[in-house]
């Protein structure tokens, strides 16, 4: 009922996509992500996520599972770089369970975090990491839209210096770029396409996924 009510509110405002649910597994009230999480076990969180996704789909509102591959007890990436030292097996046994449940329930979008996951790619934030995107596409079988968290957040600006973030994000495999400094990021992407750094074929891959989303949610015919 809670999800249905929120869907009706969003639709009344003319919105068709919202960046929920948070798939984080967090039972520690002192960590950053706790207040934004469901606050249960991996299985309880998975049940919650699947119910939210199926209800939103029934009500014609798009959703985004976040923050892939799992936030953990890490620092706030709005204000700085966060490094996650957990093993890949730990992610498989915990954090990936709600994401898989959401994907199986029909989630159209997955939003990727800016945490650096040492077990997957110690050199890049998850949002800019091809290895993290390969995990999502390959092991979890996700075929929908992959979206970044805001590229203007300090975790990315401290890592990239700003302008190259969007280009790195597309190269990693993202389809949608969330960026408060969109004028800078748009210009960087356009320049990268014009000079061949990013191919038009790569852009077309993402465009097709976005058009498919619009078809599925009745935004275009």
N, C-alpha and C. Protein backbone atom coordinates (compact mmCIF):
# COMPACT_ATOMS: atom_id res chain seq x y z
N UNK A 1 0.83 -1.21 0.00
CA UNK A 1 0.00 0.00 0.00
C UNK A 1 0.86 1.26 0.00
N UNK A 2 1.95 1.20 0.75
CA UNK A 2 2.87 2.34 0.80
C UNK A 2 3.42 2.64 -0.60
N UNK A 3 3.86 1.61 -1.29
CA UNK A 3 4.42 1.79 -2.63
C UNK A 3 3.36 2.27 -3.61
N UNK A 4 2.16 1.70 -3.53
CA UNK A 4 1.07 2.14 -4.41
C UNK A 4 0.77 3.62 -4.21
N UNK A 5 0.73 4.05 -2.96
CA UNK A 5 0.44 5.46 -2.66
C UNK A 5 1.51 6.37 -3.26
N UNK A 6 2.76 5.97 -3.13
CA UNK A 6 3.85 6.78 -3.68
C UNK A 6 3.80 6.80 -5.21
N UNK A 7 3.45 5.66 -5.81
CA UNK A 7 3.33 5.62 -7.27
C UNK A 7 2.26 6.59 -7.76
N UNK A 8 1.14 6.61 -7.09
CA UNK A 8 0.06 7.51 -7.50
C UNK A 8 0.47 8.97 -7.35
N UNK A 9 1.21 9.27 -6.30
CA UNK A 9 1.70 10.64 -6.12
C UNK A 9 2.66 11.01 -7.25
N UNK A 10 3.59 10.12 -7.56
CA UNK A 10 4.55 10.40 -8.62
C UNK A 10 3.84 10.62 -9.96
N UNK A 11 2.88 9.76 -10.25
CA UNK A 11 2.14 9.89 -11.51
C UNK A 11 1.37 11.20 -11.57
N UNK A 12 0.81 11.63 -10.42
CA UNK A 12 0.06 12.89 -10.39
C UNK A 12 0.96 14.09 -10.66
N UNK A 13 2.26 13.92 -10.39
CA UNK A 13 3.23 15.00 -10.63
C UNK A 13 3.87 14.90 -12.01
N UNK A 14 3.50 13.86 -12.77
CA UNK A 14 4.04 13.69 -14.11
C UNK A 14 5.39 13.00 -14.14
N UNK A 15 5.75 12.32 -13.07
CA UNK A 15 7.03 11.61 -13.00
C UNK A 15 6.83 10.14 -13.35
N UNK A 16 7.82 9.56 -14.05
CA UNK A 16 7.70 8.16 -14.47
C UNK A 16 8.86 7.28 -14.04
N UNK A 17 9.84 7.85 -13.35
CA UNK A 17 10.98 7.07 -12.86
C UNK A 17 11.42 7.63 -11.52
N UNK A 18 11.62 6.76 -10.54
CA UNK A 18 12.14 7.19 -9.24
C UNK A 18 13.28 6.29 -8.82
N UNK A 19 14.26 6.85 -8.14
CA UNK A 19 15.47 6.11 -7.82
C UNK A 19 15.33 5.36 -6.50
N UNK A 20 14.46 4.39 -6.48
CA UNK A 20 14.25 3.48 -5.36
C UNK A 20 14.00 2.10 -5.96
N UNK A 21 14.20 1.02 -5.19
CA UNK A 21 14.49 0.97 -3.75
C UNK A 21 15.99 0.87 -3.46
N UNK A 22 16.35 1.31 -2.24
CA UNK A 22 17.71 1.09 -1.73
C UNK A 22 17.82 -0.37 -1.33
N UNK A 23 18.79 -1.07 -1.92
CA UNK A 23 18.95 -2.51 -1.68
C UNK A 23 19.99 -2.82 -0.60
N UNK A 24 20.45 -1.80 0.09
CA UNK A 24 21.50 -1.99 1.08
C UNK A 24 21.04 -2.88 2.24
N UNK A 25 21.97 -3.71 2.69
CA UNK A 25 21.73 -4.54 3.87
C UNK A 25 22.44 -3.86 5.03
N UNK A 26 21.68 -3.28 5.94
CA UNK A 26 22.29 -2.52 7.02
C UNK A 26 21.45 -2.64 8.28
N UNK A 27 22.07 -3.12 9.33
CA UNK A 27 21.39 -3.24 10.63
C UNK A 27 22.12 -2.43 11.71
N UNK A 28 23.10 -1.65 11.28
CA UNK A 28 23.89 -0.85 12.22
C UNK A 28 23.48 0.62 12.11
N UNK A 29 22.79 1.16 13.11
CA UNK A 29 22.25 2.52 13.00
C UNK A 29 23.29 3.63 12.95
N UNK A 30 24.57 3.33 13.17
CA UNK A 30 25.58 4.39 13.16
C UNK A 30 26.22 4.59 11.78
N UNK A 31 25.95 3.69 10.82
CA UNK A 31 26.58 3.83 9.50
C UNK A 31 25.72 4.71 8.60
N UNK A 32 26.35 5.27 7.58
CA UNK A 32 25.70 6.26 6.71
C UNK A 32 24.42 5.75 6.07
N UNK A 33 24.46 4.54 5.51
CA UNK A 33 23.35 4.08 4.68
C UNK A 33 22.18 3.54 5.49
N UNK A 34 22.33 3.39 6.80
CA UNK A 34 21.31 2.71 7.61
C UNK A 34 19.93 3.35 7.47
N UNK A 35 19.84 4.67 7.61
CA UNK A 35 18.53 5.33 7.59
C UNK A 35 17.86 5.24 6.23
N UNK A 36 18.61 4.91 5.20
CA UNK A 36 18.04 4.80 3.86
C UNK A 36 17.73 3.35 3.49
N UNK A 37 18.09 2.42 4.37
CA UNK A 37 17.92 1.00 4.06
C UNK A 37 16.65 0.44 4.67
N UNK A 38 16.27 -0.78 4.23
CA UNK A 38 15.13 -1.47 4.80
C UNK A 38 15.44 -1.95 6.22
N UNK A 39 16.72 -2.23 6.48
CA UNK A 39 17.14 -2.59 7.82
C UNK A 39 16.94 -4.06 8.18
N UNK A 40 16.98 -4.95 7.18
CA UNK A 40 16.77 -6.36 7.44
C UNK A 40 17.92 -7.23 6.98
N UNK A 41 17.71 -8.54 7.03
CA UNK A 41 18.68 -9.52 6.54
C UNK A 41 18.69 -9.48 5.01
N UNK A 42 19.66 -10.17 4.37
CA UNK A 42 19.64 -10.22 2.91
C UNK A 42 18.33 -10.76 2.35
N UNK A 43 17.79 -11.79 2.99
CA UNK A 43 16.55 -12.39 2.51
C UNK A 43 15.34 -11.47 2.73
N UNK A 44 15.28 -10.83 3.89
CA UNK A 44 14.18 -9.89 4.16
C UNK A 44 14.24 -8.70 3.22
N UNK A 45 15.44 -8.20 3.00
CA UNK A 45 15.61 -7.07 2.09
C UNK A 45 15.24 -7.47 0.66
N UNK A 46 15.60 -8.70 0.27
CA UNK A 46 15.27 -9.19 -1.07
C UNK A 46 13.76 -9.27 -1.26
N UNK A 47 13.04 -9.75 -0.25
CA UNK A 47 11.58 -9.82 -0.34
C UNK A 47 10.97 -8.43 -0.47
N UNK A 48 11.50 -7.49 0.33
CA UNK A 48 11.03 -6.10 0.28
C UNK A 48 11.27 -5.51 -1.11
N UNK A 49 12.48 -5.69 -1.63
CA UNK A 49 12.85 -5.13 -2.93
C UNK A 49 11.95 -5.71 -4.03
N UNK A 50 11.76 -7.02 -4.03
CA UNK A 50 10.94 -7.65 -5.07
C UNK A 50 9.51 -7.13 -5.03
N UNK A 51 8.96 -6.95 -3.83
CA UNK A 51 7.59 -6.45 -3.70
C UNK A 51 7.47 -5.02 -4.19
N UNK A 52 8.43 -4.19 -3.86
CA UNK A 52 8.42 -2.80 -4.32
C UNK A 52 8.49 -2.75 -5.85
N UNK A 53 9.40 -3.52 -6.43
CA UNK A 53 9.58 -3.51 -7.89
C UNK A 53 8.30 -3.98 -8.59
N UNK A 54 7.75 -5.10 -8.16
CA UNK A 54 6.55 -5.63 -8.82
C UNK A 54 5.38 -4.65 -8.68
N UNK A 55 5.26 -4.02 -7.51
CA UNK A 55 4.16 -3.06 -7.30
C UNK A 55 4.34 -1.83 -8.17
N UNK A 56 5.57 -1.34 -8.28
CA UNK A 56 5.81 -0.17 -9.12
C UNK A 56 5.54 -0.49 -10.58
N UNK A 57 5.95 -1.67 -11.02
CA UNK A 57 5.68 -2.06 -12.40
C UNK A 57 4.17 -2.14 -12.67
N UNK A 58 3.42 -2.68 -11.71
CA UNK A 58 1.97 -2.76 -11.86
C UNK A 58 1.33 -1.38 -11.96
N UNK A 59 1.98 -0.40 -11.36
CA UNK A 59 1.46 0.97 -11.37
C UNK A 59 2.10 1.85 -12.43
N UNK A 60 2.94 1.27 -13.29
CA UNK A 60 3.51 2.00 -14.40
C UNK A 60 4.58 3.01 -14.04
N UNK A 61 5.27 2.80 -12.92
CA UNK A 61 6.36 3.69 -12.51
C UNK A 61 7.67 2.93 -12.56
N UNK A 62 8.67 3.53 -13.20
CA UNK A 62 9.99 2.92 -13.28
C UNK A 62 10.74 3.03 -11.96
N UNK A 63 11.67 2.11 -11.75
CA UNK A 63 12.42 2.05 -10.50
C UNK A 63 13.89 1.81 -10.78
N UNK A 64 14.72 2.03 -9.77
CA UNK A 64 16.16 1.82 -9.93
C UNK A 64 16.72 1.18 -8.67
N UNK A 65 17.24 -0.03 -8.80
CA UNK A 65 17.90 -0.70 -7.68
C UNK A 65 19.21 0.02 -7.37
N UNK A 66 19.44 0.32 -6.08
CA UNK A 66 20.69 1.01 -5.77
C UNK A 66 21.17 0.64 -4.35
N UNK A 67 22.47 0.78 -4.11
CA UNK A 67 23.55 1.25 -4.98
C UNK A 67 24.44 0.04 -5.26
N UNK A 68 24.42 -0.45 -6.49
CA UNK A 68 25.15 -1.66 -6.87
C UNK A 68 26.66 -1.46 -6.74
N UNK A 69 27.40 -2.48 -6.28
CA UNK A 69 26.98 -3.85 -5.93
C UNK A 69 26.63 -4.03 -4.45
N UNK A 70 26.33 -2.96 -3.74
CA UNK A 70 26.01 -3.02 -2.32
C UNK A 70 26.83 -1.99 -1.56
N UNK A 71 26.17 -1.24 -0.68
CA UNK A 71 26.85 -0.09 -0.06
C UNK A 71 27.70 -0.48 1.15
N UNK A 72 27.22 -1.43 1.95
CA UNK A 72 28.00 -1.82 3.13
C UNK A 72 28.05 -0.72 4.17
N UNK A 73 29.03 -0.80 5.05
CA UNK A 73 29.17 0.17 6.14
C UNK A 73 30.18 1.26 5.78
N UNK A 74 30.13 1.70 4.55
CA UNK A 74 31.13 2.64 4.05
C UNK A 74 30.74 4.09 4.26
N UNK A 75 31.72 4.95 4.05
CA UNK A 75 31.53 6.39 4.25
C UNK A 75 30.60 6.96 3.19
N UNK A 76 30.17 8.19 3.40
CA UNK A 76 29.25 8.89 2.51
C UNK A 76 30.01 9.38 1.28
N UNK A 77 29.66 8.86 0.09
CA UNK A 77 30.37 9.25 -1.13
C UNK A 77 29.97 10.64 -1.62
N UNK A 78 28.97 11.26 -0.98
CA UNK A 78 28.68 12.66 -1.30
C UNK A 78 29.84 13.56 -0.88
N UNK A 79 30.56 13.13 0.14
CA UNK A 79 31.58 13.99 0.74
C UNK A 79 33.01 13.47 0.63
N UNK A 80 33.22 12.34 -0.05
CA UNK A 80 34.57 11.84 -0.21
C UNK A 80 34.61 10.41 -0.73
N UNK A 81 35.82 9.95 -1.00
CA UNK A 81 36.03 8.60 -1.54
C UNK A 81 35.77 7.55 -0.45
N UNK A 82 35.07 6.48 -0.81
CA UNK A 82 34.81 5.38 0.10
C UNK A 82 35.41 4.11 -0.48
N UNK A 83 36.17 3.38 0.34
CA UNK A 83 36.84 2.16 -0.11
C UNK A 83 36.28 0.97 0.65
N UNK A 84 35.82 -0.04 -0.09
CA UNK A 84 35.21 -1.24 0.47
C UNK A 84 36.20 -2.41 0.35
N UNK A 85 36.62 -2.97 1.49
CA UNK A 85 37.62 -4.04 1.50
C UNK A 85 37.01 -5.43 1.62
N UNK A 86 35.69 -5.56 1.52
CA UNK A 86 35.07 -6.88 1.66
C UNK A 86 35.40 -7.78 0.46
N UNK A 87 35.31 -9.08 0.68
CA UNK A 87 35.60 -10.05 -0.37
C UNK A 87 34.43 -10.14 -1.35
N UNK A 88 34.72 -10.62 -2.55
CA UNK A 88 33.66 -10.81 -3.54
C UNK A 88 32.66 -11.85 -3.06
N UNK A 89 33.15 -12.87 -2.33
CA UNK A 89 32.25 -13.89 -1.80
C UNK A 89 31.27 -13.28 -0.80
N UNK A 90 31.74 -12.32 -0.02
CA UNK A 90 30.86 -11.64 0.93
C UNK A 90 29.73 -10.92 0.19
N UNK A 91 30.05 -10.29 -0.94
CA UNK A 91 29.01 -9.64 -1.74
C UNK A 91 28.01 -10.67 -2.26
N UNK A 92 28.53 -11.79 -2.74
CA UNK A 92 27.63 -12.82 -3.29
C UNK A 92 26.71 -13.39 -2.22
N UNK A 93 27.20 -13.53 -1.01
CA UNK A 93 26.41 -14.14 0.06
C UNK A 93 25.46 -13.16 0.73
N UNK A 94 25.66 -11.87 0.47
CA UNK A 94 24.85 -10.85 1.15
C UNK A 94 24.29 -9.81 0.18
N UNK A 95 25.12 -8.90 -0.24
CA UNK A 95 24.67 -7.70 -0.95
C UNK A 95 24.00 -7.97 -2.29
N UNK A 96 24.47 -8.99 -3.02
CA UNK A 96 23.92 -9.23 -4.35
C UNK A 96 22.54 -9.89 -4.31
N UNK A 97 22.16 -10.46 -3.18
CA UNK A 97 20.88 -11.18 -3.08
C UNK A 97 19.69 -10.26 -3.34
N UNK A 98 19.60 -9.08 -2.70
CA UNK A 98 18.48 -8.19 -3.02
C UNK A 98 18.50 -7.68 -4.45
N UNK A 99 19.68 -7.45 -5.01
CA UNK A 99 19.76 -6.99 -6.40
C UNK A 99 19.24 -8.06 -7.35
N UNK A 100 19.61 -9.31 -7.11
CA UNK A 100 19.12 -10.40 -7.97
C UNK A 100 17.61 -10.52 -7.86
N UNK A 101 17.07 -10.36 -6.64
CA UNK A 101 15.62 -10.42 -6.45
C UNK A 101 14.93 -9.30 -7.22
N UNK A 102 15.50 -8.11 -7.18
CA UNK A 102 14.92 -6.98 -7.90
C UNK A 102 14.99 -7.16 -9.41
N UNK A 103 16.10 -7.69 -9.89
CA UNK A 103 16.24 -7.95 -11.32
C UNK A 103 15.23 -9.00 -11.77
N UNK A 104 15.09 -10.07 -10.99
CA UNK A 104 14.13 -11.11 -11.33
C UNK A 104 12.69 -10.59 -11.29
N UNK A 105 12.43 -9.58 -10.45
CA UNK A 105 11.09 -8.99 -10.35
C UNK A 105 10.80 -8.00 -11.47
N UNK A 106 11.81 -7.68 -12.27
CA UNK A 106 11.59 -6.81 -13.42
C UNK A 106 12.05 -5.38 -13.27
N UNK A 107 13.03 -5.12 -12.42
CA UNK A 107 13.55 -3.76 -12.28
C UNK A 107 14.16 -3.29 -13.60
N UNK A 108 13.79 -2.11 -14.08
CA UNK A 108 14.29 -1.64 -15.38
C UNK A 108 15.65 -0.95 -15.32
N UNK A 109 16.05 -0.49 -14.11
CA UNK A 109 17.27 0.31 -13.97
C UNK A 109 18.04 -0.16 -12.74
N UNK A 110 19.37 -0.16 -12.84
CA UNK A 110 20.24 -0.37 -11.68
C UNK A 110 21.19 0.81 -11.60
N UNK A 111 21.27 1.42 -10.43
CA UNK A 111 22.16 2.56 -10.19
C UNK A 111 23.40 2.06 -9.47
N UNK A 112 24.57 2.45 -9.98
CA UNK A 112 25.85 1.95 -9.47
C UNK A 112 26.48 2.98 -8.53
N UNK A 113 27.06 2.49 -7.45
CA UNK A 113 27.65 3.37 -6.43
C UNK A 113 28.99 3.93 -6.88
N UNK A 114 29.51 4.85 -6.09
CA UNK A 114 30.85 5.40 -6.31
C UNK A 114 31.89 4.76 -5.38
N UNK A 115 31.50 3.75 -4.61
CA UNK A 115 32.46 3.08 -3.73
C UNK A 115 33.52 2.37 -4.57
N UNK A 116 34.74 2.39 -4.10
CA UNK A 116 35.81 1.58 -4.71
C UNK A 116 35.76 0.19 -4.06
N UNK A 117 35.46 -0.85 -4.85
CA UNK A 117 35.35 -2.21 -4.35
C UNK A 117 36.66 -2.93 -4.65
N UNK A 118 37.53 -3.04 -3.67
CA UNK A 118 38.86 -3.58 -3.90
C UNK A 118 38.84 -5.00 -4.47
N UNK A 119 37.86 -5.81 -4.09
CA UNK A 119 37.80 -7.19 -4.55
C UNK A 119 37.41 -7.30 -6.02
N UNK A 120 36.84 -6.24 -6.58
CA UNK A 120 36.41 -6.26 -7.98
C UNK A 120 37.31 -5.38 -8.84
N UNK A 121 37.54 -4.16 -8.40
CA UNK A 121 38.38 -3.22 -9.15
C UNK A 121 38.95 -2.21 -8.16
N UNK A 122 40.20 -2.40 -7.71
CA UNK A 122 40.78 -1.50 -6.72
C UNK A 122 41.20 -0.15 -7.27
N UNK A 123 41.13 0.02 -8.59
CA UNK A 123 41.65 1.23 -9.21
C UNK A 123 40.59 2.26 -9.57
N UNK A 124 39.31 1.85 -9.59
CA UNK A 124 38.25 2.78 -10.02
C UNK A 124 37.02 2.65 -9.14
N UNK A 125 36.29 3.75 -8.94
CA UNK A 125 34.99 3.65 -8.30
C UNK A 125 34.08 2.70 -9.09
N UNK A 126 33.14 2.06 -8.42
CA UNK A 126 32.27 1.09 -9.09
C UNK A 126 31.58 1.68 -10.30
N UNK A 127 31.13 2.91 -10.20
CA UNK A 127 30.41 3.56 -11.30
C UNK A 127 31.27 3.73 -12.54
N UNK A 128 32.58 3.74 -12.39
CA UNK A 128 33.50 3.93 -13.51
C UNK A 128 34.27 2.66 -13.85
N UNK A 129 33.83 1.53 -13.30
CA UNK A 129 34.58 0.28 -13.43
C UNK A 129 33.93 -0.69 -14.42
N UNK A 130 34.62 -1.05 -15.52
CA UNK A 130 34.09 -2.06 -16.42
C UNK A 130 33.86 -3.41 -15.74
N UNK A 131 34.73 -3.77 -14.78
CA UNK A 131 34.58 -5.05 -14.09
C UNK A 131 33.28 -5.13 -13.28
N UNK A 132 32.91 -4.02 -12.64
CA UNK A 132 31.65 -3.99 -11.88
C UNK A 132 30.47 -4.15 -12.82
N UNK A 133 30.52 -3.50 -13.98
CA UNK A 133 29.44 -3.61 -14.95
C UNK A 133 29.37 -5.00 -15.55
N UNK A 134 30.52 -5.65 -15.73
CA UNK A 134 30.54 -7.03 -16.22
C UNK A 134 29.89 -7.97 -15.21
N UNK A 135 30.09 -7.72 -13.93
CA UNK A 135 29.43 -8.51 -12.88
C UNK A 135 27.92 -8.37 -12.99
N UNK A 136 27.44 -7.17 -13.18
CA UNK A 136 26.01 -6.91 -13.27
C UNK A 136 25.41 -7.51 -14.54
N UNK A 137 26.05 -7.34 -15.66
CA UNK A 137 25.54 -7.87 -16.93
C UNK A 137 25.70 -9.39 -17.01
N UNK A 138 26.86 -9.89 -16.58
CA UNK A 138 27.16 -11.30 -16.74
C UNK A 138 26.60 -12.18 -15.65
N UNK A 139 27.14 -12.05 -14.44
CA UNK A 139 26.75 -12.93 -13.34
C UNK A 139 25.29 -12.75 -12.94
N UNK A 140 24.80 -11.50 -12.92
CA UNK A 140 23.42 -11.26 -12.51
C UNK A 140 22.46 -11.22 -13.70
N UNK A 141 22.97 -11.20 -14.92
CA UNK A 141 22.14 -11.27 -16.11
C UNK A 141 21.24 -10.07 -16.34
N UNK A 142 21.67 -8.89 -15.93
CA UNK A 142 20.83 -7.69 -16.08
C UNK A 142 20.94 -7.13 -17.48
N UNK A 143 19.80 -6.93 -18.15
CA UNK A 143 19.79 -6.42 -19.51
C UNK A 143 19.22 -5.04 -19.65
N UNK A 144 18.84 -4.40 -18.53
CA UNK A 144 18.22 -3.09 -18.59
C UNK A 144 19.21 -1.95 -18.57
N UNK A 145 18.77 -0.81 -18.07
CA UNK A 145 19.57 0.42 -18.05
C UNK A 145 20.46 0.45 -16.81
N UNK A 146 21.74 0.71 -17.02
CA UNK A 146 22.67 0.95 -15.90
C UNK A 146 22.91 2.45 -15.80
N UNK A 147 22.80 2.96 -14.58
CA UNK A 147 22.86 4.40 -14.34
C UNK A 147 23.90 4.70 -13.26
N UNK A 148 24.60 5.80 -13.40
CA UNK A 148 25.54 6.22 -12.37
C UNK A 148 24.82 6.93 -11.23
N UNK A 149 25.46 6.96 -10.08
CA UNK A 149 25.09 7.94 -9.07
C UNK A 149 25.60 9.30 -9.57
N UNK A 150 25.30 10.37 -8.87
CA UNK A 150 25.64 11.71 -9.36
C UNK A 150 27.16 11.84 -9.53
N UNK A 151 27.57 12.17 -10.74
CA UNK A 151 28.99 12.31 -11.05
C UNK A 151 29.61 13.58 -10.47
N UNK A 152 28.77 14.42 -9.86
CA UNK A 152 29.28 15.64 -9.24
C UNK A 152 29.61 15.41 -7.76
N UNK A 153 29.31 14.22 -7.24
CA UNK A 153 29.60 13.93 -5.84
C UNK A 153 31.12 13.92 -5.61
N UNK A 154 31.51 14.24 -4.38
CA UNK A 154 32.94 14.41 -4.08
C UNK A 154 33.76 13.16 -4.36
N UNK A 155 33.16 11.98 -4.18
CA UNK A 155 33.91 10.73 -4.42
C UNK A 155 34.41 10.64 -5.85
N UNK A 156 33.67 11.22 -6.80
CA UNK A 156 34.08 11.21 -8.19
C UNK A 156 34.95 12.42 -8.53
N UNK A 157 34.58 13.57 -8.03
CA UNK A 157 35.38 14.77 -8.33
C UNK A 157 36.79 14.64 -7.77
N UNK A 158 36.93 14.04 -6.59
CA UNK A 158 38.26 13.84 -6.01
C UNK A 158 39.05 12.80 -6.80
N UNK A 159 38.33 11.88 -7.43
CA UNK A 159 39.00 10.80 -8.18
C UNK A 159 39.40 11.24 -9.58
N UNK A 160 38.51 11.95 -10.28
CA UNK A 160 38.74 12.27 -11.69
C UNK A 160 39.12 13.71 -11.95
N UNK A 161 38.79 14.61 -11.04
CA UNK A 161 39.01 16.01 -11.32
C UNK A 161 37.84 16.65 -12.05
N UNK A 162 36.82 15.84 -12.41
CA UNK A 162 35.59 16.43 -12.93
C UNK A 162 35.23 16.10 -14.35
N UNK A 163 35.91 16.73 -15.32
CA UNK A 163 35.41 16.72 -16.69
C UNK A 163 35.42 15.35 -17.34
N UNK A 164 36.34 14.47 -16.99
CA UNK A 164 36.43 13.19 -17.66
C UNK A 164 35.51 12.13 -17.06
N UNK A 165 34.76 12.47 -16.01
CA UNK A 165 33.93 11.48 -15.32
C UNK A 165 32.90 10.86 -16.25
N UNK A 166 32.19 11.66 -17.02
CA UNK A 166 31.14 11.13 -17.89
C UNK A 166 31.70 10.24 -18.98
N UNK A 167 32.84 10.60 -19.52
CA UNK A 167 33.47 9.79 -20.56
C UNK A 167 33.88 8.44 -19.98
N UNK A 168 34.47 8.44 -18.81
CA UNK A 168 34.85 7.20 -18.14
C UNK A 168 33.62 6.35 -17.81
N UNK A 169 32.53 7.02 -17.44
CA UNK A 169 31.31 6.31 -17.07
C UNK A 169 30.72 5.58 -18.28
N UNK A 170 30.71 6.22 -19.43
CA UNK A 170 30.19 5.57 -20.63
C UNK A 170 31.10 4.43 -21.06
N UNK A 171 32.40 4.64 -20.98
CA UNK A 171 33.35 3.58 -21.34
C UNK A 171 33.19 2.36 -20.44
N UNK A 172 32.80 2.59 -19.18
CA UNK A 172 32.62 1.49 -18.23
C UNK A 172 31.38 0.68 -18.53
N UNK A 173 30.37 1.31 -19.18
CA UNK A 173 29.16 0.58 -19.51
C UNK A 173 27.86 1.19 -19.05
N UNK A 174 27.91 2.42 -18.53
CA UNK A 174 26.67 3.08 -18.09
C UNK A 174 25.85 3.56 -19.28
N UNK A 175 24.52 3.52 -19.10
CA UNK A 175 23.60 3.98 -20.13
C UNK A 175 23.04 5.37 -19.83
N UNK A 176 22.84 5.67 -18.57
CA UNK A 176 22.34 6.97 -18.14
C UNK A 176 23.34 7.58 -17.16
N UNK A 177 23.60 8.86 -17.31
CA UNK A 177 24.53 9.56 -16.43
C UNK A 177 23.77 10.54 -15.56
N UNK A 178 23.85 10.35 -14.26
CA UNK A 178 23.28 11.31 -13.32
C UNK A 178 24.37 12.33 -13.01
N UNK A 179 24.15 13.60 -13.33
CA UNK A 179 25.20 14.59 -13.11
C UNK A 179 24.61 15.98 -12.91
N UNK A 180 24.90 16.56 -11.76
CA UNK A 180 24.44 17.92 -11.47
C UNK A 180 25.12 18.94 -12.38
N UNK A 181 26.35 18.66 -12.79
CA UNK A 181 27.10 19.56 -13.67
C UNK A 181 26.94 19.09 -15.13
N UNK A 182 25.69 18.92 -15.55
CA UNK A 182 25.41 18.28 -16.84
C UNK A 182 25.97 19.04 -18.04
N UNK A 183 26.10 20.35 -17.93
CA UNK A 183 26.64 21.10 -19.08
C UNK A 183 28.09 20.70 -19.35
N UNK A 184 28.87 20.52 -18.28
CA UNK A 184 30.27 20.10 -18.42
C UNK A 184 30.33 18.67 -18.94
N UNK A 185 29.53 17.80 -18.35
CA UNK A 185 29.60 16.38 -18.71
C UNK A 185 29.07 16.15 -20.13
N UNK A 186 28.02 16.86 -20.51
CA UNK A 186 27.50 16.73 -21.88
C UNK A 186 28.57 17.12 -22.89
N UNK A 187 29.22 18.24 -22.65
CA UNK A 187 30.24 18.71 -23.59
C UNK A 187 31.40 17.73 -23.69
N UNK A 188 31.77 17.13 -22.56
CA UNK A 188 32.86 16.15 -22.55
C UNK A 188 32.49 14.91 -23.36
N UNK A 189 31.26 14.44 -23.21
CA UNK A 189 30.81 13.26 -23.96
C UNK A 189 30.74 13.58 -25.45
N UNK A 190 30.18 14.73 -25.80
CA UNK A 190 30.09 15.12 -27.21
C UNK A 190 31.47 15.18 -27.85
N UNK A 191 32.42 15.79 -27.16
CA UNK A 191 33.79 15.88 -27.68
C UNK A 191 34.39 14.50 -27.86
N UNK A 192 34.12 13.60 -26.90
CA UNK A 192 34.67 12.24 -26.97
C UNK A 192 34.09 11.46 -28.14
N UNK A 193 32.83 11.69 -28.47
CA UNK A 193 32.22 11.03 -29.64
C UNK A 193 32.80 11.61 -30.93
N UNK A 194 32.95 12.92 -30.98
CA UNK A 194 33.45 13.57 -32.19
C UNK A 194 34.90 13.19 -32.49
N UNK A 195 35.71 12.97 -31.44
CA UNK A 195 37.11 12.61 -31.70
C UNK A 195 37.34 11.10 -31.72
N UNK A 196 36.26 10.32 -31.57
CA UNK A 196 36.38 8.87 -31.68
C UNK A 196 36.72 8.14 -30.40
N UNK A 197 36.88 8.86 -29.30
CA UNK A 197 37.16 8.20 -28.03
C UNK A 197 36.00 7.28 -27.63
N UNK A 198 34.78 7.75 -27.87
CA UNK A 198 33.58 6.94 -27.70
C UNK A 198 32.94 6.76 -29.07
N UNK A 199 32.64 5.53 -29.44
CA UNK A 199 32.03 5.29 -30.75
C UNK A 199 30.54 5.58 -30.72
N UNK A 200 29.99 5.93 -31.88
CA UNK A 200 28.55 6.11 -31.98
C UNK A 200 27.82 4.79 -31.71
N UNK A 201 28.45 3.68 -32.06
CA UNK A 201 27.85 2.38 -31.78
C UNK A 201 27.67 2.16 -30.28
N UNK A 202 28.64 2.62 -29.51
CA UNK A 202 28.53 2.50 -28.05
C UNK A 202 27.36 3.35 -27.54
N UNK A 203 27.20 4.54 -28.06
CA UNK A 203 26.07 5.39 -27.68
C UNK A 203 24.75 4.72 -28.06
N UNK A 204 24.73 4.12 -29.26
CA UNK A 204 23.51 3.47 -29.74
C UNK A 204 23.07 2.33 -28.83
N UNK A 205 24.02 1.59 -28.25
CA UNK A 205 23.68 0.51 -27.32
C UNK A 205 22.81 1.06 -26.18
N UNK A 206 23.25 2.18 -25.62
CA UNK A 206 22.52 2.77 -24.50
C UNK A 206 21.19 3.37 -24.95
N UNK A 207 21.19 4.01 -26.12
CA UNK A 207 19.96 4.60 -26.63
C UNK A 207 18.89 3.53 -26.82
N UNK A 208 19.27 2.37 -27.34
CA UNK A 208 18.31 1.29 -27.55
C UNK A 208 17.72 0.81 -26.23
N UNK A 209 18.55 0.71 -25.20
CA UNK A 209 18.04 0.31 -23.88
C UNK A 209 17.05 1.35 -23.34
N UNK A 210 17.37 2.62 -23.53
CA UNK A 210 16.48 3.69 -23.05
C UNK A 210 15.17 3.70 -23.83
N UNK A 211 15.24 3.51 -25.15
CA UNK A 211 14.02 3.45 -25.95
C UNK A 211 13.17 2.24 -25.57
N UNK A 212 13.82 1.13 -25.28
CA UNK A 212 13.09 -0.06 -24.85
C UNK A 212 12.37 0.20 -23.53
N UNK A 213 13.03 0.90 -22.61
CA UNK A 213 12.39 1.29 -21.36
C UNK A 213 11.15 2.13 -21.64
N UNK A 214 11.28 3.11 -22.50
CA UNK A 214 10.16 4.00 -22.81
C UNK A 214 8.99 3.23 -23.43
N UNK A 215 9.31 2.25 -24.28
CA UNK A 215 8.26 1.42 -24.86
C UNK A 215 7.55 0.60 -23.78
N UNK A 216 8.33 -0.01 -22.91
CA UNK A 216 7.77 -0.88 -21.87
C UNK A 216 6.87 -0.11 -20.90
N UNK A 217 7.17 1.17 -20.68
CA UNK A 217 6.38 1.96 -19.71
C UNK A 217 5.40 2.90 -20.41
N UNK A 218 5.18 2.67 -21.70
CA UNK A 218 4.15 3.41 -22.42
C UNK A 218 4.46 4.87 -22.65
N UNK A 219 5.73 5.25 -22.63
CA UNK A 219 6.10 6.65 -22.84
C UNK A 219 6.21 7.00 -24.31
N UNK A 220 6.46 5.97 -25.15
CA UNK A 220 6.42 6.13 -26.60
C UNK A 220 5.70 4.93 -27.17
N UNK A 221 5.22 5.07 -28.40
CA UNK A 221 4.49 3.97 -29.04
C UNK A 221 5.27 3.45 -30.23
